[in-house]
């Protein structure tokens, strides 16, 4: 559950992600990762606490509040797809966020429009529930279970082989397609198992929309 809260000691508004303490292993991992990050292109960490609500202990992760919602929301506000200027604007910020994460040996592992938040200063990478540290020995992080959204998975991830920084670049490409089309990168497959098989073994890539400058570029 994600909610919005206000500090008792200031007018600061922040987002709160909450889950029962007994089921909070992934959220606690996200808290540890987020607490070690500081970048203009990654949502800011604000702290955590444990509260009791209706006789249940809740683990609460506090983060920077981004008032304009997700990148997917912004795509819909733009009429279902973005123009090339906006795509370039947001892509540059996402790339800078990924560069920062990868320099810290962290792979996001679930990059998509719904996990990128938008505010006055642009886009910031969020939702580190699937993120992992890249082990320098097992450099693509094979020791941890594979996670993420099938529609945005890289082929090696769909095959269950490895999940690391290269898979984030694939996810970035899928997110650019999402910005350009307003839809998911694979539009002709809806069954999850069939989709994973296609991504893993077909050798195909999502169709990349042609730029409005395409004809000009080849003329």
C-alpha atoms as a PDB file:
ATOM      1  CA  UNK A   1       0.000   0.000   0.000  1.00  0.00           C
ATOM      2  CA  UNK A   2       1.343   3.439  -0.930  1.00  0.00           C
ATOM      3  CA  UNK A   3       0.018   6.562   0.802  1.00  0.00           C
ATOM      4  CA  UNK A   4       0.950  10.208   1.266  1.00  0.00           C
ATOM      5  CA  UNK A   5       1.930  11.616   4.666  1.00  0.00           C
ATOM      6  CA  UNK A   6       3.046  14.923   6.144  1.00  0.00           C
ATOM      7  CA  UNK A   7       5.804  15.414   8.701  1.00  0.00           C
ATOM      8  CA  UNK A   8       4.760  16.398  12.232  1.00  0.00           C
ATOM      9  CA  UNK A   9       7.745  18.705  12.459  1.00  0.00           C
ATOM     10  CA  UNK A  10       7.594  20.463   9.086  1.00  0.00           C
ATOM     11  CA  UNK A  11       5.388  20.915   6.048  1.00  0.00           C
ATOM     12  CA  UNK A  12       7.283  18.235   4.128  1.00  0.00           C
ATOM     13  CA  UNK A  13       5.065  15.782   2.269  1.00  0.00           C
ATOM     14  CA  UNK A  14       6.397  12.318   1.490  1.00  0.00           C
ATOM     15  CA  UNK A  15       5.230   8.979   0.135  1.00  0.00           C
ATOM     16  CA  UNK A  16       4.894   5.948   2.406  1.00  0.00           C
ATOM     17  CA  UNK A  17       5.002   2.351   1.217  1.00  0.00           C
ATOM     18  CA  UNK A  18       3.595  -0.009   3.871  1.00  0.00           C
ATOM     19  CA  UNK A  19       3.347  -3.769   4.307  1.00  0.00           C
ATOM     20  CA  UNK A  20       2.833  -6.120   7.258  1.00  0.00           C
ATOM     21  CA  UNK A  21       6.104  -6.597   9.126  1.00  0.00           C
ATOM     22  CA  UNK A  22       5.873 -10.386   8.805  1.00  0.00           C
ATOM     23  CA  UNK A  23       5.785 -10.038   4.999  1.00  0.00           C
ATOM     24  CA  UNK A  24       8.195  -7.121   4.641  1.00  0.00           C
ATOM     25  CA  UNK A  25      11.396  -8.886   3.584  1.00  0.00           C
ATOM     26  CA  UNK A  26      11.426  -7.326   0.102  1.00  0.00           C
ATOM     27  CA  UNK A  27      10.463  -3.880   1.400  1.00  0.00           C
ATOM     28  CA  UNK A  28      13.220  -4.046   4.012  1.00  0.00           C
ATOM     29  CA  UNK A  29      15.684  -4.929   1.264  1.00  0.00           C
ATOM     30  CA  UNK A  30      14.395  -1.944  -0.736  1.00  0.00           C
ATOM     31  CA  UNK A  31      14.901   0.252   2.337  1.00  0.00           C
ATOM     32  CA  UNK A  32      18.513  -0.864   2.693  1.00  0.00           C
ATOM     33  CA  UNK A  33      19.265  -0.198  -0.974  1.00  0.00           C
ATOM     34  CA  UNK A  34      17.449   3.142  -1.121  1.00  0.00           C
ATOM     35  CA  UNK A  35      19.121   4.378   2.082  1.00  0.00           C
ATOM     36  CA  UNK A  36      22.516   4.069   0.372  1.00  0.00           C
ATOM     37  CA  UNK A  37      21.574   6.127  -2.681  1.00  0.00           C
ATOM     38  CA  UNK A  38      21.757   9.858  -3.312  1.00  0.00           C
ATOM     39  CA  UNK A  39      21.118  11.074  -6.855  1.00  0.00           C
ATOM     40  CA  UNK A  40      18.993  13.694  -8.569  1.00  0.00           C
ATOM     41  CA  UNK A  41      17.720  10.896 -10.820  1.00  0.00           C
ATOM     42  CA  UNK A  42      16.678   8.435  -8.096  1.00  0.00           C
ATOM     43  CA  UNK A  43      13.759   8.971  -5.719  1.00  0.00           C
ATOM     44  CA  UNK A  44      15.066  10.155  -2.322  1.00  0.00           C
ATOM     45  CA  UNK A  45      15.006   8.060   0.843  1.00  0.00           C
ATOM     46  CA  UNK A  46      13.270   9.682   3.838  1.00  0.00           C
ATOM     47  CA  UNK A  47      13.461   6.959   6.482  1.00  0.00           C
ATOM     48  CA  UNK A  48      11.451   4.057   7.836  1.00  0.00           C
ATOM     49  CA  UNK A  49       9.546   2.972  10.930  1.00  0.00           C
ATOM     50  CA  UNK A  50       7.397   0.174  12.341  1.00  0.00           C
ATOM     51  CA  UNK A  51       3.881   1.027  13.515  1.00  0.00           C
ATOM     52  CA  UNK A  52       0.940  -0.892  14.923  1.00  0.00           C
ATOM     53  CA  UNK A  53      -2.303  -0.626  12.984  1.00  0.00           C
ATOM     54  CA  UNK A  54      -5.390  -2.697  13.856  1.00  0.00           C
ATOM     55  CA  UNK A  55      -3.286  -5.099  15.947  1.00  0.00           C
ATOM     56  CA  UNK A  56      -0.850  -5.619  13.075  1.00  0.00           C
ATOM     57  CA  UNK A  57       2.768  -4.488  12.962  1.00  0.00           C
ATOM     58  CA  UNK A  58       3.462  -2.555   9.758  1.00  0.00           C
ATOM     59  CA  UNK A  59       6.825  -1.791   8.150  1.00  0.00           C
ATOM     60  CA  UNK A  60       6.747   1.679   6.559  1.00  0.00           C
ATOM     61  CA  UNK A  61       9.255   2.995   4.026  1.00  0.00           C
ATOM     62  CA  UNK A  62       9.236   6.784   3.569  1.00  0.00           C
ATOM     63  CA  UNK A  63      10.314   8.258   0.240  1.00  0.00           C
ATOM     64  CA  UNK A  64      10.283  11.491  -1.715  1.00  0.00           C
ATOM     65  CA  UNK A  65       6.792  12.395  -2.927  1.00  0.00           C
ATOM     66  CA  UNK A  66       6.545  12.967  -6.673  1.00  0.00           C
ATOM     67  CA  UNK A  67       3.251  14.807  -7.301  1.00  0.00           C
ATOM     68  CA  UNK A  68       2.862  14.056 -11.007  1.00  0.00           C
ATOM     69  CA  UNK A  69       2.727  10.276 -10.608  1.00  0.00           C
ATOM     70  CA  UNK A  70       4.482   7.771 -12.819  1.00  0.00           C
ATOM     71  CA  UNK A  71       5.966   8.078 -16.281  1.00  0.00           C
ATOM     72  CA  UNK A  72       3.122   5.847 -17.494  1.00  0.00           C
ATOM     73  CA  UNK A  73       0.658   8.393 -16.071  1.00  0.00           C
ATOM     74  CA  UNK A  74       2.509  11.176 -17.869  1.00  0.00           C
ATOM     75  CA  UNK A  75       2.294   9.283 -21.161  1.00  0.00           C
ATOM     76  CA  UNK A  76      -1.488   9.191 -20.821  1.00  0.00           C
ATOM     77  CA  UNK A  77      -1.579  12.906 -19.955  1.00  0.00           C
ATOM     78  CA  UNK A  78       0.267  13.552 -23.221  1.00  0.00           C
ATOM     79  CA  UNK A  79      -2.530  11.894 -25.177  1.00  0.00           C
ATOM     80  CA  UNK A  80      -1.288   8.317 -25.062  1.00  0.00           C
ATOM     81  CA  UNK A  81       2.182   8.898 -26.497  1.00  0.00           C
ATOM     82  CA  UNK A  82       5.002  11.412 -26.194  1.00  0.00           C
ATOM     83  CA  UNK A  83       6.677  13.579 -28.791  1.00  0.00           C
ATOM     84  CA  UNK A  84      10.360  13.078 -29.515  1.00  0.00           C
ATOM     85  CA  UNK A  85      11.450  16.081 -27.466  1.00  0.00           C
ATOM     86  CA  UNK A  86       9.823  14.685 -24.320  1.00  0.00           C
ATOM     87  CA  UNK A  87      11.097  11.184 -25.013  1.00  0.00           C
ATOM     88  CA  UNK A  88      14.631  12.549 -25.280  1.00  0.00           C
ATOM     89  CA  UNK A  89      14.193  14.654 -22.134  1.00  0.00           C
ATOM     90  CA  UNK A  90      13.049  11.749 -19.964  1.00  0.00           C
ATOM     91  CA  UNK A  91      15.388   9.201 -21.550  1.00  0.00           C
ATOM     92  CA  UNK A  92      18.433  11.320 -20.703  1.00  0.00           C
ATOM     93  CA  UNK A  93      17.386  11.479 -17.048  1.00  0.00           C
ATOM     94  CA  UNK A  94      16.668   7.747 -16.847  1.00  0.00           C
ATOM     95  CA  UNK A  95      20.069   6.995 -18.393  1.00  0.00           C
ATOM     96  CA  UNK A  96      21.747   9.226 -15.812  1.00  0.00           C
ATOM     97  CA  UNK A  97      19.870   7.425 -13.048  1.00  0.00           C
ATOM     98  CA  UNK A  98      20.901   4.020 -14.391  1.00  0.00           C
ATOM     99  CA  UNK A  99      24.501   5.162 -14.770  1.00  0.00           C
ATOM    100  CA  UNK A 100      24.507   6.165 -11.103  1.00  0.00           C
ATOM    101  CA  UNK A 101      22.975   2.856  -9.968  1.00  0.00           C
ATOM    102  CA  UNK A 102      25.331   0.765 -12.053  1.00  0.00           C
ATOM    103  CA  UNK A 103      28.320   2.742 -10.763  1.00  0.00           C
ATOM    104  CA  UNK A 104      27.189   1.667  -7.289  1.00  0.00           C
ATOM    105  CA  UNK A 105      26.975  -1.990  -8.424  1.00  0.00           C
ATOM    106  CA  UNK A 106      23.179  -1.995  -8.247  1.00  0.00           C
ATOM    107  CA  UNK A 107      20.873  -3.281 -10.986  1.00  0.00           C
ATOM    108  CA  UNK A 108      17.251  -2.105 -10.872  1.00  0.00           C
ATOM    109  CA  UNK A 109      15.843  -5.233 -12.582  1.00  0.00           C
ATOM    110  CA  UNK A 110      12.320  -3.887 -13.187  1.00  0.00           C
ATOM    111  CA  UNK A 111      12.676  -0.733 -15.256  1.00  0.00           C
ATOM    112  CA  UNK A 112       9.384   0.401 -16.843  1.00  0.00           C
ATOM    113  CA  UNK A 113       7.137   3.448 -16.967  1.00  0.00           C
ATOM    114  CA  UNK A 114       5.273   2.509 -13.790  1.00  0.00           C
ATOM    115  CA  UNK A 115       8.528   2.436 -11.807  1.00  0.00           C
ATOM    116  CA  UNK A 116       9.701   5.881 -12.894  1.00  0.00           C
ATOM    117  CA  UNK A 117       8.230   8.872 -11.072  1.00  0.00           C
ATOM    118  CA  UNK A 118       7.761  12.334 -12.537  1.00  0.00           C
ATOM    119  CA  UNK A 119       7.930  15.729 -10.846  1.00  0.00           C
ATOM    120  CA  UNK A 120       8.897  19.338 -11.506  1.00  0.00           C
ATOM    121  CA  UNK A 121      12.549  18.426 -12.023  1.00  0.00           C
ATOM    122  CA  UNK A 122      11.811  15.546 -14.383  1.00  0.00           C
ATOM    123  CA  UNK A 123      12.015  11.772 -14.008  1.00  0.00           C
ATOM    124  CA  UNK A 124      13.437   9.732 -11.144  1.00  0.00           C
ATOM    125  CA  UNK A 125      13.889   5.972 -10.905  1.00  0.00           C
ATOM    126  CA  UNK A 126      11.828   4.400  -8.112  1.00  0.00           C
ATOM    127  CA  UNK A 127      10.537   1.055  -6.804  1.00  0.00           C
ATOM    128  CA  UNK A 128      13.591  -0.994  -5.895  1.00  0.00           C
ATOM    129  CA  UNK A 129      11.667  -4.111  -4.881  1.00  0.00           C
ATOM    130  CA  UNK A 130      13.424  -6.222  -7.537  1.00  0.00           C
ATOM    131  CA  UNK A 131      16.786  -4.433  -7.328  1.00  0.00           C
ATOM    132  CA  UNK A 132      19.955  -6.321  -6.476  1.00  0.00           C
ATOM    133  CA  UNK A 133      23.589  -5.753  -5.742  1.00  0.00           C
ATOM    134  CA  UNK A 134      25.837  -7.089  -8.478  1.00  0.00           C
ATOM    135  CA  UNK A 135      28.263  -9.516  -6.893  1.00  0.00           C
ATOM    136  CA  UNK A 136      31.758  -8.833  -8.261  1.00  0.00           C
ATOM    137  CA  UNK A 137      32.391 -12.597  -8.342  1.00  0.00           C
ATOM    138  CA  UNK A 138      29.064 -13.522  -9.924  1.00  0.00           C
ATOM    139  CA  UNK A 139      29.024 -10.303 -11.873  1.00  0.00           C
ATOM    140  CA  UNK A 140      25.451 -10.482 -13.158  1.00  0.00           C
ATOM    141  CA  UNK A 141      23.893 -11.388  -9.833  1.00  0.00           C
ATOM    142  CA  UNK A 142      22.979 -15.028 -10.479  1.00  0.00           C
ATOM    143  CA  UNK A 143      22.800 -15.796  -6.757  1.00  0.00           C
ATOM    144  CA  UNK A 144      19.421 -14.081  -6.313  1.00  0.00           C
ATOM    145  CA  UNK A 145      16.046 -15.176  -7.715  1.00  0.00           C
ATOM    146  CA  UNK A 146      15.082 -13.504 -10.964  1.00  0.00           C
ATOM    147  CA  UNK A 147      12.297 -10.927 -10.761  1.00  0.00           C
ATOM    148  CA  UNK A 148      10.639  -8.178 -12.748  1.00  0.00           C
ATOM    149  CA  UNK A 149       7.830  -7.661 -15.247  1.00  0.00           C
ATOM    150  CA  UNK A 150       7.733 -10.242 -18.085  1.00  0.00           C
ATOM    151  CA  UNK A 151       6.777  -7.657 -20.737  1.00  0.00           C
ATOM    152  CA  UNK A 152       9.999  -5.725 -20.029  1.00  0.00           C
ATOM    153  CA  UNK A 153      12.378  -8.654 -19.431  1.00  0.00           C
ATOM    154  CA  UNK A 154      15.576  -9.140 -21.402  1.00  0.00           C
ATOM    155  CA  UNK A 155      16.044 -12.488 -23.211  1.00  0.00           C
ATOM    156  CA  UNK A 156      18.692 -13.767 -20.785  1.00  0.00           C
ATOM    157  CA  UNK A 157      16.378 -12.980 -17.872  1.00  0.00           C
ATOM    158  CA  UNK A 158      13.430 -14.749 -19.512  1.00  0.00           C
ATOM    159  CA  UNK A 159      15.676 -17.800 -19.948  1.00  0.00           C
ATOM    160  CA  UNK A 160      16.521 -17.710 -16.241  1.00  0.00           C
ATOM    161  CA  UNK A 161      20.222 -17.277 -16.918  1.00  0.00           C
ATOM    162  CA  UNK A 162      21.220 -13.974 -15.344  1.00  0.00           C
ATOM    163  CA  UNK A 163      19.903 -10.577 -14.380  1.00  0.00           C
ATOM    164  CA  UNK A 164      22.171  -7.583 -14.134  1.00  0.00           C
ATOM    165  CA  UNK A 165      22.968  -4.174 -15.571  1.00  0.00           C
ATOM    166  CA  UNK A 166      22.595  -5.210 -19.254  1.00  0.00           C
ATOM    167  CA  UNK A 167      18.986  -6.197 -18.527  1.00  0.00           C
ATOM    168  CA  UNK A 168      18.347  -2.640 -17.296  1.00  0.00           C
ATOM    169  CA  UNK A 169      19.421  -1.340 -20.712  1.00  0.00           C
ATOM    170  CA  UNK A 170      16.933  -3.684 -22.379  1.00  0.00           C
ATOM    171  CA  UNK A 171      14.273  -2.389 -19.971  1.00  0.00           C
ATOM    172  CA  UNK A 172      15.219   1.166 -20.919  1.00  0.00           C
ATOM    173  CA  UNK A 173      14.646   0.345 -24.587  1.00  0.00           C
ATOM    174  CA  UNK A 174      11.234  -1.115 -23.776  1.00  0.00           C
ATOM    175  CA  UNK A 175      10.402   1.999 -21.746  1.00  0.00           C
ATOM    176  CA  UNK A 176      11.326   4.241 -24.688  1.00  0.00           C
ATOM    177  CA  UNK A 177       8.934   2.205 -26.846  1.00  0.00           C
ATOM    178  CA  UNK A 178       6.285   2.694 -24.147  1.00  0.00           C
ATOM    179  CA  UNK A 179       6.830   6.466 -24.306  1.00  0.00           C
ATOM    180  CA  UNK A 180       6.659   6.500 -28.105  1.00  0.00           C
ATOM    181  CA  UNK A 181       3.578   4.314 -28.505  1.00  0.00           C
ATOM    182  CA  UNK A 182       1.701   4.490 -25.218  1.00  0.00           C
ATOM    183  CA  UNK A 183       1.612   0.709 -25.172  1.00  0.00           C
ATOM    184  CA  UNK A 184       3.658  -2.232 -24.012  1.00  0.00           C
ATOM    185  CA  UNK A 185       6.708  -3.243 -26.089  1.00  0.00           C
ATOM    186  CA  UNK A 186       5.137  -6.562 -27.144  1.00  0.00           C
ATOM    187  CA  UNK A 187       1.681  -5.850 -28.517  1.00  0.00           C
ATOM    188  CA  UNK A 188       0.766  -9.147 -30.158  1.00  0.00           C
ATOM    189  CA  UNK A 189       1.265 -11.547 -27.222  1.00  0.00           C
ATOM    190  CA  UNK A 190      -0.933 -11.487 -24.110  1.00  0.00           C
ATOM    191  CA  UNK A 191      -0.296 -14.899 -22.528  1.00  0.00           C
ATOM    192  CA  UNK A 192       2.551 -14.581 -20.007  1.00  0.00           C
ATOM    193  CA  UNK A 193       4.044 -18.019 -20.679  1.00  0.00           C
ATOM    194  CA  UNK A 194       3.950 -17.529 -24.457  1.00  0.00           C
ATOM    195  CA  UNK A 195       5.470 -14.071 -24.052  1.00  0.00           C
ATOM    196  CA  UNK A 196       8.364 -15.318 -21.926  1.00  0.00           C
ATOM    197  CA  UNK A 197       9.069 -18.104 -24.421  1.00  0.00           C
ATOM    198  CA  UNK A 198       9.055 -15.648 -27.313  1.00  0.00           C
ATOM    199  CA  UNK A 199      11.394 -13.225 -25.548  1.00  0.00           C
ATOM    200  CA  UNK A 200      13.709 -16.011 -24.415  1.00  0.00           C
ATOM    201  CA  UNK A 201      14.061 -18.083 -27.570  1.00  0.00           C
ATOM    202  CA  UNK A 202      12.730 -16.323 -30.680  1.00  0.00           C
ATOM    203  CA  UNK A 203      15.677 -13.975 -31.156  1.00  0.00           C
ATOM    204  CA  UNK A 204      13.190 -11.191 -31.888  1.00  0.00           C
ATOM    205  CA  UNK A 205      13.164  -7.683 -30.427  1.00  0.00           C
ATOM    206  CA  UNK A 206      10.181  -5.381 -29.893  1.00  0.00           C
ATOM    207  CA  UNK A 207       9.358  -3.264 -32.927  1.00  0.00           C
ATOM    208  CA  UNK A 208      10.946   0.168 -32.672  1.00  0.00           C
ATOM    209  CA  UNK A 209       8.702   3.027 -33.898  1.00  0.00           C
ATOM    210  CA  UNK A 210      10.163   5.069 -36.743  1.00  0.00           C
ATOM    211  CA  UNK A 211      11.100   8.640 -35.965  1.00  0.00           C
ATOM    212  CA  UNK A 212       9.280  11.487 -37.683  1.00  0.00           C
ATOM    213  CA  UNK A 213      12.761  12.426 -38.923  1.00  0.00           C
ATOM    214  CA  UNK A 214      13.254   8.990 -40.507  1.00  0.00           C
ATOM    215  CA  UNK A 215      12.501  10.042 -44.080  1.00  0.00           C
ATOM    216  CA  UNK A 216      14.492  13.228 -43.669  1.00  0.00           C
ATOM    217  CA  UNK A 217      17.450  11.208 -42.372  1.00  0.00           C
ATOM    218  CA  UNK A 218      17.591   8.874 -45.381  1.00  0.00           C
ATOM    219  CA  UNK A 219      16.709  11.370 -48.113  1.00  0.00           C
END
